[in-house]
Amino acid sequence: MKIGHMALWTRDLEIMKDFYVNYFNGKTNGKYHNKVKGFESYFIRFEGETRLELMRQEGMSRQDIANRVGWAHIAMSLGSREHVNQMTERLQQDGYRLMDGPRKTGDGYYESVFQDPEGNLLELTE
């Protein structure tokens, strides 16, 4: 078994697409748009077979994060501590909010934690 893809609801589809493509070398398909349902999405493929679907639908509102149940974060494995440190510095310089790290966690990961453009937690791991 393998995970086919992960999906993330967004408010601004284009900003989120640009973030994941530009910072993590994602390759995207053309935008899917269902005019009847007011639904739009992009699939972004990363190295290997990992895919992220970004979705937006007219009239959708964001849940109160304090009461959210569901996925906690996405982790992007960058391959080394050096790459984690480099991406940490790059994202900070570009104004993204560093939540924690870089540090070695109790379960042995070396990571930094950021918020993406819409506040979703993103772990950068080695």
Protein backbone atom coordinates (compact mmCIF):
# COMPACT_ATOMS: atom_id res chain seq x y z
CA MET A 1 0.00 0.00 0.00
CA LYS A 2 1.03 3.60 -0.55
CA ILE A 3 -0.64 6.96 -0.05
CA GLY A 4 -1.83 8.24 -3.42
CA HIS A 5 -1.92 11.90 -2.44
CA MET A 6 -2.80 14.34 0.34
CA ALA A 7 -5.37 17.10 -0.14
CA LEU A 8 -5.49 20.55 1.42
CA TRP A 9 -8.34 23.07 1.28
CA THR A 10 -7.09 26.57 0.51
CA ARG A 11 -8.48 30.09 0.35
CA ASP A 12 -6.00 31.33 -2.28
CA LEU A 13 -5.19 28.53 -4.67
CA GLU A 14 -2.60 30.43 -6.71
CA ILE A 15 -0.54 31.65 -3.73
CA MET A 16 -0.50 28.15 -2.23
CA LYS A 17 0.44 26.56 -5.57
CA ASP A 18 3.30 29.02 -6.04
CA PHE A 19 4.59 28.39 -2.49
CA TYR A 20 4.79 24.59 -2.84
CA VAL A 21 6.12 24.72 -6.42
CA ASN A 22 8.76 27.39 -5.76
CA TYR A 23 10.12 26.21 -2.40
CA PHE A 24 9.86 22.44 -2.85
CA ASN A 25 10.43 21.99 -6.59
CA GLY A 26 6.91 20.78 -7.19
CA LYS A 27 5.61 20.15 -10.67
CA THR A 28 1.97 21.01 -11.25
CA ASN A 29 -0.68 19.98 -13.70
CA GLY A 30 -3.05 22.48 -15.26
CA LYS A 31 -5.78 23.84 -13.03
CA TYR A 32 -8.93 21.72 -12.82
CA HIS A 33 -12.08 23.84 -12.70
CA ASN A 34 -15.63 22.55 -12.22
CA LYS A 35 -17.77 25.63 -12.89
CA VAL A 36 -21.00 23.94 -11.78
CA LYS A 37 -19.63 23.14 -8.31
CA GLY A 38 -17.41 26.23 -8.06
CA PHE A 39 -14.45 23.90 -7.40
CA GLU A 40 -10.82 24.35 -8.50
CA SER A 41 -7.70 22.30 -7.80
CA TYR A 42 -4.08 21.65 -8.67
CA PHE A 43 -2.08 18.47 -8.18
CA ILE A 44 1.55 19.10 -7.30
CA ARG A 45 4.03 16.24 -7.71
CA PHE A 46 7.23 16.28 -5.69
CA GLU A 47 10.33 14.12 -6.06
CA GLY A 48 9.33 10.46 -6.22
CA GLU A 49 5.61 9.79 -6.20
CA THR A 50 4.47 12.20 -3.47
CA ARG A 51 1.55 14.39 -4.56
CA LEU A 52 -0.37 17.21 -2.89
CA GLU A 53 -3.79 18.31 -4.11
CA LEU A 54 -4.63 21.94 -3.39
CA MET A 55 -8.36 22.62 -3.51
CA ARG A 56 -10.64 25.66 -3.35
CA GLN A 57 -14.40 25.93 -3.49
CA GLU A 58 -16.56 29.03 -3.66
CA GLY A 59 -18.33 29.82 -0.40
CA MET A 60 -16.01 27.70 1.76
CA SER A 61 -14.91 29.18 5.09
CA ARG A 62 -11.95 28.16 7.26
CA GLN A 63 -12.67 26.23 10.44
CA ASP A 64 -11.65 27.66 13.77
CA ILE A 65 -8.13 26.23 14.18
CA ALA A 66 -8.56 25.85 17.95
CA ASN A 67 -11.39 23.34 17.39
CA ARG A 68 -9.89 21.54 14.41
CA VAL A 69 -9.64 17.77 14.34
CA GLY A 70 -7.66 16.20 11.51
CA TRP A 71 -4.23 16.41 9.97
CA ALA A 72 -1.72 18.29 12.12
CA HIS A 73 1.04 19.03 9.58
CA ILE A 74 2.84 17.99 6.41
CA ALA A 75 6.51 17.05 6.67
CA MET A 76 8.88 17.67 3.77
CA SER A 77 12.02 15.52 3.95
CA LEU A 78 14.88 17.61 2.55
CA GLY A 79 17.62 14.97 2.84
CA SER A 80 20.07 16.55 5.29
CA ARG A 81 20.48 18.92 8.23
CA GLU A 82 22.27 21.33 5.91
CA HIS A 83 19.22 21.47 3.61
CA VAL A 84 16.90 21.97 6.60
CA ASN A 85 19.08 24.86 7.78
CA GLN A 86 19.24 26.39 4.29
CA MET A 87 15.48 26.19 3.74
CA THR A 88 14.86 27.51 7.27
CA GLU A 89 16.98 30.55 6.49
CA ARG A 90 15.36 31.05 3.07
CA LEU A 91 11.79 30.86 4.38
CA GLN A 92 12.60 33.21 7.28
CA GLN A 93 14.22 35.72 4.93
CA ASP A 94 11.12 35.58 2.72
CA GLY A 95 8.90 36.39 5.70
CA TYR A 96 7.35 33.03 6.56
CA ARG A 97 6.70 32.39 10.25
CA LEU A 98 9.12 30.02 12.00
CA MET A 99 7.21 28.19 14.74
CA ASP A 100 10.07 26.02 16.10
CA GLY A 101 13.63 24.92 15.38
CA PRO A 102 15.78 24.03 13.80
CA ARG A 103 16.30 21.42 16.49
CA LYS A 104 16.61 17.71 17.14
CA THR A 105 13.32 16.41 18.52
CA GLY A 106 12.85 13.84 21.26
CA ASP A 107 11.96 11.20 18.67
CA GLY A 108 15.20 11.80 16.75
CA TYR A 109 14.14 14.09 13.90
CA TYR A 110 16.06 17.22 12.98
CA GLU A 111 13.43 19.73 11.98
CA SER A 112 12.11 23.25 11.64
CA VAL A 113 8.39 24.04 11.72
CA PHE A 114 6.87 26.84 9.64
CA GLN A 115 3.46 28.11 8.71
CA ASP A 116 2.71 28.06 4.99
CA PRO A 117 0.96 31.11 3.46
CA GLU A 118 -2.39 30.06 4.96
CA GLY A 119 -1.12 29.02 8.41
CA ASN A 120 -0.89 25.25 7.87
CA LEU A 121 2.02 23.69 9.74
CA LEU A 122 4.89 22.49 7.59
CA GLU A 123 7.79 20.49 9.05
CA LEU A 124 11.13 20.57 7.31
CA THR A 125 13.02 17.37 8.19
CA GLU A 126 16.35 15.87 7.20
